[in-house]
Every structure is written in C-alpha cells, then in structure tokens.
Amino acid sequence: MRARSRVVDIPYQPILTLEEGKRSGKPTIRGMRITVYDVLSYLAAGMTHQEILADFPYLTEEDIRACLSYAADRERRLVFARP
C-alpha cells in the first residue's frame, strides 16, 4: 500500500501580488511581470523547476511553490454548478 502524501499549505500571499493594469490584473510573482499562469504553463508543458529557474534566474523555488499553492487553493474553492 502506498503512503498518502501530506497536504501542506504554503502561504502564497506574501509572494503573489495583484496590481491593476499589470498583466491584465492577473496574479504576478513579487510584482514582476511574470504571472502565476506563466509558471503553471511552463510546468504543464513539462519544464522542471530547475529549468524554469535557469531560464528565469530572478525566480526562486519558493516562487514556484507559491504558484502551485495558489492553484491548489483555487481548485479547492472552485464550485461547479450543474446544468
């Protein structure tokens, strides 16, 4: 039997910012022009954390984890209405 992994909530609020007019109001990382969506898209495309950090040296591992935590939090809160 496989052990169940623990869910750990990483606080993303200190890292992710929302600024009206910047990147259409999407959440960005530390006020920079890279969005949570950008990072999640790179991960979905198969990039590793190390590859993202090499391409964007101003990002940190904590930034990537904050993006994942934000996505998990949004998924947890998402509610679908049945037609």
C-alpha atoms as a PDB file:
ATOM      1  CA  MET A   1       0.000   0.000   0.000  1.00  0.00           C
ATOM      2  CA  ARG A   2       1.294   3.414  -0.930  1.00  0.00           C
ATOM      3  CA  ALA A   3       1.591   6.033   1.807  1.00  0.00           C
ATOM      4  CA  ARG A   4      -0.677   9.010   1.468  1.00  0.00           C
ATOM      5  CA  SER A   5       1.168  12.282   0.933  1.00  0.00           C
ATOM      6  CA  ARG A   6       0.510  15.142   3.294  1.00  0.00           C
ATOM      7  CA  VAL A   7      -1.139  18.285   2.067  1.00  0.00           C
ATOM      8  CA  VAL A   8       0.893  21.308   3.039  1.00  0.00           C
ATOM      9  CA  ASP A   9      -0.459  24.791   2.517  1.00  0.00           C
ATOM     10  CA  ILE A  10       2.341  27.118   1.563  1.00  0.00           C
ATOM     11  CA  PRO A  11       1.389  30.746   2.191  1.00  0.00           C
ATOM     12  CA  TYR A  12       1.430  32.403  -1.213  1.00  0.00           C
ATOM     13  CA  GLN A  13       0.019  35.795  -0.193  1.00  0.00           C
ATOM     14  CA  PRO A  14       3.412  37.362   0.658  1.00  0.00           C
ATOM     15  CA  ILE A  15       4.802  36.317  -2.744  1.00  0.00           C
ATOM     16  CA  LEU A  16       1.960  36.804  -5.204  1.00  0.00           C
ATOM     17  CA  THR A  17       0.666  40.271  -5.970  1.00  0.00           C
ATOM     18  CA  LEU A  18      -2.292  41.744  -7.839  1.00  0.00           C
ATOM     19  CA  GLU A  19      -1.821  45.118  -9.468  1.00  0.00           C
ATOM     20  CA  GLU A  20      -4.478  46.772 -11.560  1.00  0.00           C
ATOM     21  CA  GLY A  21      -3.168  47.296 -15.081  1.00  0.00           C
ATOM     22  CA  LYS A  22      -0.196  44.957 -14.743  1.00  0.00           C
ATOM     23  CA  ARG A  23      -0.628  41.814 -16.839  1.00  0.00           C
ATOM     24  CA  SER A  24      -4.387  42.481 -17.034  1.00  0.00           C
ATOM     25  CA  GLY A  25      -4.734  42.230 -13.267  1.00  0.00           C
ATOM     26  CA  LYS A  26      -3.559  38.618 -13.132  1.00  0.00           C
ATOM     27  CA  PRO A  27      -1.559  37.498 -10.088  1.00  0.00           C
ATOM     28  CA  THR A  28       2.153  38.101 -10.593  1.00  0.00           C
ATOM     29  CA  ILE A  29       5.199  36.994  -8.661  1.00  0.00           C
ATOM     30  CA  ARG A  30       6.578  39.674  -6.345  1.00  0.00           C
ATOM     31  CA  GLY A  31       5.259  42.468  -8.557  1.00  0.00           C
ATOM     32  CA  MET A  32       7.291  41.353 -11.564  1.00  0.00           C
ATOM     33  CA  ARG A  33       5.767  40.814 -14.992  1.00  0.00           C
ATOM     34  CA  ILE A  34       5.736  37.009 -14.754  1.00  0.00           C
ATOM     35  CA  THR A  35       2.332  35.619 -13.817  1.00  0.00           C
ATOM     36  CA  VAL A  36       1.223  32.558 -11.919  1.00  0.00           C
ATOM     37  CA  TYR A  37      -0.298  31.407 -15.214  1.00  0.00           C
ATOM     38  CA  ASP A  38       3.113  31.657 -16.920  1.00  0.00           C
ATOM     39  CA  VAL A  39       4.776  29.440 -14.318  1.00  0.00           C
ATOM     40  CA  LEU A  40       1.927  26.914 -14.274  1.00  0.00           C
ATOM     41  CA  SER A  41       2.016  26.764 -18.076  1.00  0.00           C
ATOM     42  CA  TYR A  42       5.748  26.011 -18.053  1.00  0.00           C
ATOM     43  CA  LEU A  43       5.205  23.229 -15.532  1.00  0.00           C
ATOM     44  CA  ALA A  44       2.277  21.829 -17.542  1.00  0.00           C
ATOM     45  CA  ALA A  45       4.455  21.836 -20.658  1.00  0.00           C
ATOM     46  CA  GLY A  46       6.920  19.589 -18.847  1.00  0.00           C
ATOM     47  CA  MET A  47       9.561  22.025 -17.665  1.00  0.00           C
ATOM     48  CA  THR A  48      11.185  21.124 -14.379  1.00  0.00           C
ATOM     49  CA  HIS A  49      11.630  23.560 -11.536  1.00  0.00           C
ATOM     50  CA  GLN A  50      15.345  23.635 -12.332  1.00  0.00           C
ATOM     51  CA  GLU A  51      14.694  24.520 -15.991  1.00  0.00           C
ATOM     52  CA  ILE A  52      12.346  27.353 -15.027  1.00  0.00           C
ATOM     53  CA  LEU A  53      14.848  28.707 -12.513  1.00  0.00           C
ATOM     54  CA  ALA A  54      17.628  28.541 -15.122  1.00  0.00           C
ATOM     55  CA  ASP A  55      15.506  30.441 -17.675  1.00  0.00           C
ATOM     56  CA  PHE A  56      14.288  32.984 -15.113  1.00  0.00           C
ATOM     57  CA  PRO A  57      17.124  33.468 -12.585  1.00  0.00           C
ATOM     58  CA  TYR A  58      15.171  36.116 -10.667  1.00  0.00           C
ATOM     59  CA  LEU A  59      12.633  33.440  -9.630  1.00  0.00           C
ATOM     60  CA  THR A  60      13.114  31.182  -6.623  1.00  0.00           C
ATOM     61  CA  GLU A  61      11.937  27.707  -5.725  1.00  0.00           C
ATOM     62  CA  GLU A  62       9.646  29.377  -3.191  1.00  0.00           C
ATOM     63  CA  ASP A  63       8.058  31.407  -6.021  1.00  0.00           C
ATOM     64  CA  ILE A  64       7.244  28.230  -7.950  1.00  0.00           C
ATOM     65  CA  ARG A  65       5.804  26.565  -4.860  1.00  0.00           C
ATOM     66  CA  ALA A  66       3.690  29.672  -4.184  1.00  0.00           C
ATOM     67  CA  CYS A  67       2.219  29.363  -7.693  1.00  0.00           C
ATOM     68  CA  LEU A  68       1.358  25.720  -7.081  1.00  0.00           C
ATOM     69  CA  SER A  69      -0.144  26.528  -3.691  1.00  0.00           C
ATOM     70  CA  TYR A  70      -2.253  29.289  -5.247  1.00  0.00           C
ATOM     71  CA  ALA A  71      -3.517  26.903  -7.940  1.00  0.00           C
ATOM     72  CA  ALA A  72      -4.343  24.232  -5.349  1.00  0.00           C
ATOM     73  CA  ASP A  73      -6.199  26.787  -3.242  1.00  0.00           C
ATOM     74  CA  ARG A  74      -8.252  27.974  -6.231  1.00  0.00           C
ATOM     75  CA  GLU A  75      -9.071  24.383  -7.159  1.00  0.00           C
ATOM     76  CA  ARG A  76     -10.188  23.652  -3.607  1.00  0.00           C
ATOM     77  CA  ARG A  77     -12.553  26.653  -3.716  1.00  0.00           C
ATOM     78  CA  LEU A  78     -13.866  26.039  -7.233  1.00  0.00           C
ATOM     79  CA  VAL A  79     -17.522  25.035  -7.364  1.00  0.00           C
ATOM     80  CA  PHE A  80     -19.267  23.803 -10.488  1.00  0.00           C
ATOM     81  CA  ALA A  81     -22.964  24.412 -10.981  1.00  0.00           C
ATOM     82  CA  ARG A  82     -24.865  21.547 -12.563  1.00  0.00           C
ATOM     83  CA  PRO A  83     -26.910  22.478 -15.622  1.00  0.00           C
END
